[in-house]
Amino acid sequence: MNFDVVIEPGKPGQFDVIVDGEVIATKSRKLLQKLTFTGFPKHEDVLAKLEELKKVKS
């Protein structure tokens, strides 16, 4: 799977995966998860959404 990727700085603790202007995955914004650096989306879920978008666009 090949995608053009751009990494942009965000707010501390922010992690979003954006495709064509649409957020497809984001880190939980709950306080405890921010403080413990947890709550990131599962990579399997992100890859599944990317595959789904790839099929829709082709």
PDB file of N, CA and C in Angstrom:
ATOM      1  N   MET A   1       0.855  -1.163   0.000  1.00  0.00           N
ATOM      2  CA  MET A   1       0.000   0.000   0.000  1.00  0.00           C
ATOM      3  C   MET A   1       0.904   1.230   0.000  1.00  0.00           C
ATOM      4  N   ASN A   2       0.737   2.106  -0.961  1.00  0.00           N
ATOM      5  CA  ASN A   2       1.546   3.320  -1.060  1.00  0.00           C
ATOM      6  C   ASN A   2       0.654   4.547  -0.986  1.00  0.00           C
ATOM      7  N   PHE A   3       1.053   5.495  -0.139  1.00  0.00           N
ATOM      8  CA  PHE A   3       0.331   6.747   0.011  1.00  0.00           C
ATOM      9  C   PHE A   3       1.336   7.877   0.149  1.00  0.00           C
ATOM     10  N   ASP A   4       0.992   9.035  -0.368  1.00  0.00           N
ATOM     11  CA  ASP A   4       1.788  10.221  -0.114  1.00  0.00           C
ATOM     12  C   ASP A   4       1.443  10.693   1.288  1.00  0.00           C
ATOM     13  N   VAL A   5       2.463  10.959   2.093  1.00  0.00           N
ATOM     14  CA  VAL A   5       2.251  11.308   3.492  1.00  0.00           C
ATOM     15  C   VAL A   5       2.862  12.666   3.787  1.00  0.00           C
ATOM     16  N   VAL A   6       2.137  13.456   4.551  1.00  0.00           N
ATOM     17  CA  VAL A   6       2.631  14.735   5.029  1.00  0.00           C
ATOM     18  C   VAL A   6       2.467  14.742   6.537  1.00  0.00           C
ATOM     19  N   ILE A   7       3.546  15.033   7.238  1.00  0.00           N
ATOM     20  CA  ILE A   7       3.478  15.135   8.689  1.00  0.00           C
ATOM     21  C   ILE A   7       3.476  16.609   9.045  1.00  0.00           C
ATOM     22  N   GLU A   8       2.459  17.011   9.800  1.00  0.00           N
ATOM     23  CA  GLU A   8       2.328  18.403  10.205  1.00  0.00           C
ATOM     24  C   GLU A   8       2.285  18.488  11.721  1.00  0.00           C
ATOM     25  N   PRO A   9       2.925  19.505  12.284  1.00  0.00           N
ATOM     26  CA  PRO A   9       2.868  19.658  13.740  1.00  0.00           C
ATOM     27  C   PRO A   9       1.459  20.025  14.185  1.00  0.00           C
ATOM     28  N   GLY A  10       1.119  19.548  15.355  1.00  0.00           N
ATOM     29  CA  GLY A  10      -0.184  19.857  15.926  1.00  0.00           C
ATOM     30  C   GLY A  10      -0.011  20.281  17.371  1.00  0.00           C
ATOM     31  N   LYS A  11      -1.088  20.250  18.087  1.00  0.00           N
ATOM     32  CA  LYS A  11      -1.037  20.581  19.502  1.00  0.00           C
ATOM     33  C   LYS A  11      -0.395  19.428  20.257  1.00  0.00           C
ATOM     34  N   PRO A  12       0.187  19.688  21.440  1.00  0.00           N
ATOM     35  CA  PRO A  12       0.753  18.592  22.222  1.00  0.00           C
ATOM     36  C   PRO A  12      -0.286  17.498  22.483  1.00  0.00           C
ATOM     37  N   GLY A  13       0.074  16.260  22.206  1.00  0.00           N
ATOM     38  CA  GLY A  13      -0.829  15.137  22.422  1.00  0.00           C
ATOM     39  C   GLY A  13      -1.790  14.881  21.281  1.00  0.00           C
ATOM     40  N   GLN A  14      -1.757  15.706  20.248  1.00  0.00           N
ATOM     41  CA  GLN A  14      -2.676  15.543  19.124  1.00  0.00           C
ATOM     42  C   GLN A  14      -2.120  14.520  18.147  1.00  0.00           C
ATOM     43  N   PHE A  15      -2.998  13.652  17.640  1.00  0.00           N
ATOM     44  CA  PHE A  15      -2.631  12.687  16.611  1.00  0.00           C
ATOM     45  C   PHE A  15      -3.862  12.435  15.769  1.00  0.00           C
ATOM     46  N   ASP A  16      -3.841  12.901  14.535  1.00  0.00           N
ATOM     47  CA  ASP A  16      -4.958  12.713  13.612  1.00  0.00           C
ATOM     48  C   ASP A  16      -4.430  12.164  12.301  1.00  0.00           C
ATOM     49  N   VAL A  17      -5.198  11.283  11.691  1.00  0.00           N
ATOM     50  CA  VAL A  17      -4.905  10.811  10.344  1.00  0.00           C
ATOM     51  C   VAL A  17      -5.983  11.420   9.454  1.00  0.00           C
ATOM     52  N   ILE A  18      -5.539  12.255   8.512  1.00  0.00           N
ATOM     53  CA  ILE A  18      -6.462  12.996   7.652  1.00  0.00           C
ATOM     54  C   ILE A  18      -6.213  12.585   6.206  1.00  0.00           C
ATOM     55  N   VAL A  19      -7.284  12.214   5.515  1.00  0.00           N
ATOM     56  CA  VAL A  19      -7.200  11.843   4.109  1.00  0.00           C
ATOM     57  C   VAL A  19      -8.166  12.728   3.340  1.00  0.00           C
ATOM     58  N   ASP A  20      -7.633  13.449   2.361  1.00  0.00           N
ATOM     59  CA  ASP A  20      -8.447  14.358   1.548  1.00  0.00           C
ATOM     60  C   ASP A  20      -9.312  15.272   2.414  1.00  0.00           C
ATOM     61  N   GLY A  21      -8.737  15.801   3.486  1.00  0.00           N
ATOM     62  CA  GLY A  21      -9.440  16.743   4.345  1.00  0.00           C
ATOM     63  C   GLY A  21     -10.386  16.120   5.357  1.00  0.00           C
ATOM     64  N   GLU A  22     -10.486  14.797   5.374  1.00  0.00           N
ATOM     65  CA  GLU A  22     -11.392  14.098   6.294  1.00  0.00           C
ATOM     66  C   GLU A  22     -10.589  13.340   7.349  1.00  0.00           C
ATOM     67  N   VAL A  23     -10.936  13.555   8.617  1.00  0.00           N
ATOM     68  CA  VAL A  23     -10.266  12.831   9.702  1.00  0.00           C
ATOM     69  C   VAL A  23     -10.788  11.396   9.708  1.00  0.00           C
ATOM     70  N   ILE A  24      -9.880  10.440   9.489  1.00  0.00           N
ATOM     71  CA  ILE A  24     -10.313   9.035   9.476  1.00  0.00           C
ATOM     72  C   ILE A  24      -9.915   8.314  10.760  1.00  0.00           C
ATOM     73  N   ALA A  25      -8.990   8.901  11.523  1.00  0.00           N
ATOM     74  CA  ALA A  25      -8.587   8.316  12.799  1.00  0.00           C
ATOM     75  C   ALA A  25      -8.009   9.427  13.667  1.00  0.00           C
ATOM     76  N   THR A  26      -8.223   9.315  14.956  1.00  0.00           N
ATOM     77  CA  THR A  26      -7.716  10.319  15.875  1.00  0.00           C
ATOM     78  C   THR A  26      -7.380   9.687  17.216  1.00  0.00           C
ATOM     79  N   LYS A  27      -6.475  10.319  17.920  1.00  0.00           N
ATOM     80  CA  LYS A  27      -6.125   9.872  19.266  1.00  0.00           C
ATOM     81  C   LYS A  27      -7.220  10.339  20.213  1.00  0.00           C
ATOM     82  N   SER A  28      -7.526   9.509  21.181  1.00  0.00           N
ATOM     83  CA  SER A  28      -8.521   9.870  22.181  1.00  0.00           C
ATOM     84  C   SER A  28      -8.114  11.167  22.861  1.00  0.00           C
ATOM     85  N   ARG A  29      -9.084  12.008  23.137  1.00  0.00           N
ATOM     86  CA  ARG A  29      -8.806  13.296  23.758  1.00  0.00           C
ATOM     87  C   ARG A  29      -9.134  13.297  25.254  1.00  0.00           C
ATOM     88  N   LYS A  30      -9.321  12.115  25.828  1.00  0.00           N
ATOM     89  CA  LYS A  30      -9.612  12.021  27.257  1.00  0.00           C
ATOM     90  C   LYS A  30      -8.361  12.383  28.055  1.00  0.00           C
ATOM     91  N   LEU A  31      -8.543  13.078  29.158  1.00  0.00           N
ATOM     92  CA  LEU A  31      -7.429  13.589  29.948  1.00  0.00           C
ATOM     93  C   LEU A  31      -6.465  12.486  30.388  1.00  0.00           C
ATOM     94  N   LEU A  32      -6.968  11.393  30.931  1.00  0.00           N
ATOM     95  CA  LEU A  32      -6.092  10.324  31.410  1.00  0.00           C
ATOM     96  C   LEU A  32      -5.234   9.767  30.280  1.00  0.00           C
ATOM     97  N   GLN A  33      -5.828   9.608  29.106  1.00  0.00           N
ATOM     98  CA  GLN A  33      -5.073   9.069  27.972  1.00  0.00           C
ATOM     99  C   GLN A  33      -4.052  10.078  27.466  1.00  0.00           C
ATOM    100  N   LYS A  34      -4.364  11.365  27.567  1.00  0.00           N
ATOM    101  CA  LYS A  34      -3.378  12.376  27.197  1.00  0.00           C
ATOM    102  C   LYS A  34      -2.173  12.314  28.128  1.00  0.00           C
ATOM    103  N   LEU A  35      -2.446  12.172  29.414  1.00  0.00           N
ATOM    104  CA  LEU A  35      -1.376  12.171  30.414  1.00  0.00           C
ATOM    105  C   LEU A  35      -0.520  10.913  30.357  1.00  0.00           C
ATOM    106  N   THR A  36      -1.089   9.794  29.897  1.00  0.00           N
ATOM    107  CA  THR A  36      -0.360   8.520  29.866  1.00  0.00           C
ATOM    108  C   THR A  36       0.102   8.130  28.455  1.00  0.00           C
ATOM    109  N   PHE A  37      -0.064   9.035  27.500  1.00  0.00           N
ATOM    110  CA  PHE A  37       0.356   8.800  26.114  1.00  0.00           C
ATOM    111  C   PHE A  37      -0.256   7.523  25.535  1.00  0.00           C
ATOM    112  N   THR A  38      -1.521   7.292  25.851  1.00  0.00           N
ATOM    113  CA  THR A  38      -2.253   6.150  25.296  1.00  0.00           C
ATOM    114  C   THR A  38      -3.443   6.688  24.511  1.00  0.00           C
ATOM    115  N   GLY A  39      -4.250   5.786  23.961  1.00  0.00           N
ATOM    116  CA  GLY A  39      -5.445   6.200  23.241  1.00  0.00           C
ATOM    117  C   GLY A  39      -5.259   6.391  21.754  1.00  0.00           C
ATOM    118  N   PHE A  40      -4.080   5.979  21.251  1.00  0.00           N
ATOM    119  CA  PHE A  40      -3.857   6.090  19.812  1.00  0.00           C
ATOM    120  C   PHE A  40      -4.757   5.101  19.072  1.00  0.00           C
ATOM    121  N   PRO A  41      -5.167   5.433  17.831  1.00  0.00           N
ATOM    122  CA  PRO A  41      -5.969   4.475  17.062  1.00  0.00           C
ATOM    123  C   PRO A  41      -5.124   3.242  16.741  1.00  0.00           C
ATOM    124  N   LYS A  42      -5.779   2.101  16.652  1.00  0.00           N
ATOM    125  CA  LYS A  42      -5.074   0.864  16.301  1.00  0.00           C
ATOM    126  C   LYS A  42      -4.666   0.930  14.840  1.00  0.00           C
ATOM    127  N   HIS A  43      -3.424   0.525  14.566  1.00  0.00           N
ATOM    128  CA  HIS A  43      -2.944   0.629  13.189  1.00  0.00           C
ATOM    129  C   HIS A  43      -3.764  -0.223  12.228  1.00  0.00           C
ATOM    130  N   GLU A  44      -4.323  -1.342  12.719  1.00  0.00           N
ATOM    131  CA  GLU A  44      -5.162  -2.170  11.858  1.00  0.00           C
ATOM    132  C   GLU A  44      -6.410  -1.412  11.414  1.00  0.00           C
ATOM    133  N   ASP A  45      -6.978  -0.618  12.325  1.00  0.00           N
ATOM    134  CA  ASP A  45      -8.175   0.166  11.998  1.00  0.00           C
ATOM    135  C   ASP A  45      -7.860   1.252  10.976  1.00  0.00           C
ATOM    136  N   VAL A  46      -6.704   1.902  11.155  1.00  0.00           N
ATOM    137  CA  VAL A  46      -6.303   2.953  10.212  1.00  0.00           C
ATOM    138  C   VAL A  46      -6.069   2.354   8.830  1.00  0.00           C
ATOM    139  N   LEU A  47      -5.361   1.237   8.768  1.00  0.00           N
ATOM    140  CA  LEU A  47      -5.096   0.593   7.476  1.00  0.00           C
ATOM    141  C   LEU A  47      -6.384   0.128   6.805  1.00  0.00           C
ATOM    142  N   ALA A  48      -7.340  -0.391   7.583  1.00  0.00           N
ATOM    143  CA  ALA A  48      -8.621  -0.827   7.021  1.00  0.00           C
ATOM    144  C   ALA A  48      -9.370   0.357   6.416  1.00  0.00           C
ATOM    145  N   LYS A  49      -9.355   1.493   7.096  1.00  0.00           N
ATOM    146  CA  LYS A  49     -10.029   2.682   6.559  1.00  0.00           C
ATOM    147  C   LYS A  49      -9.345   3.179   5.298  1.00  0.00           C
ATOM    148  N   LEU A  50      -7.996   3.124   5.279  1.00  0.00           N
ATOM    149  CA  LEU A  50      -7.274   3.531   4.077  1.00  0.00           C
ATOM    150  C   LEU A  50      -7.588   2.621   2.892  1.00  0.00           C
ATOM    151  N   GLU A  51      -7.652   1.314   3.152  1.00  0.00           N
ATOM    152  CA  GLU A  51      -8.015   0.365   2.093  1.00  0.00           C
ATOM    153  C   GLU A  51      -9.415   0.642   1.560  1.00  0.00           C
ATOM    154  N   GLU A  52     -10.324   0.927   2.469  1.00  0.00           N
ATOM    155  CA  GLU A  52     -11.705   1.221   2.095  1.00  0.00           C
ATOM    156  C   GLU A  52     -11.766   2.475   1.211  1.00  0.00           C
ATOM    157  N   LEU A  53     -11.046   3.507   1.600  1.00  0.00           N
ATOM    158  CA  LEU A  53     -11.012   4.739   0.807  1.00  0.00           C
ATOM    159  C   LEU A  53     -10.374   4.504  -0.554  1.00  0.00           C
ATOM    160  N   LYS A  54      -9.341   3.670  -0.579  1.00  0.00           N
ATOM    161  CA  LYS A  54      -8.662   3.360  -1.840  1.00  0.00           C
ATOM    162  C   LYS A  54      -9.612   2.671  -2.816  1.00  0.00           C
ATOM    163  N   LYS A  55     -10.444   1.747  -2.309  1.00  0.00           N
ATOM    164  CA  LYS A  55     -11.415   1.043  -3.154  1.00  0.00           C
ATOM    165  C   LYS A  55     -12.468   2.001  -3.688  1.00  0.00           C
ATOM    166  N   VAL A  56     -12.925   2.932  -2.867  1.00  0.00           N
ATOM    167  CA  VAL A  56     -13.954   3.892  -3.264  1.00  0.00           C
ATOM    168  C   VAL A  56     -13.434   4.801  -4.375  1.00  0.00           C
ATOM    169  N   LYS A  57     -12.154   5.175  -4.295  1.00  0.00           N
ATOM    170  CA  LYS A  57     -11.576   6.105  -5.257  1.00  0.00           C
ATOM    171  C   LYS A  57     -11.193   5.440  -6.572  1.00  0.00           C
ATOM    172  N   SER A  58     -11.080   4.120  -6.596  1.00  0.00           N
ATOM    173  CA  SER A  58     -10.663   3.467  -7.842  1.00  0.00           C
ATOM    174  C   SER A  58     -11.825   2.998  -8.669  1.00  0.00           C
TER     175      SER A  58
END
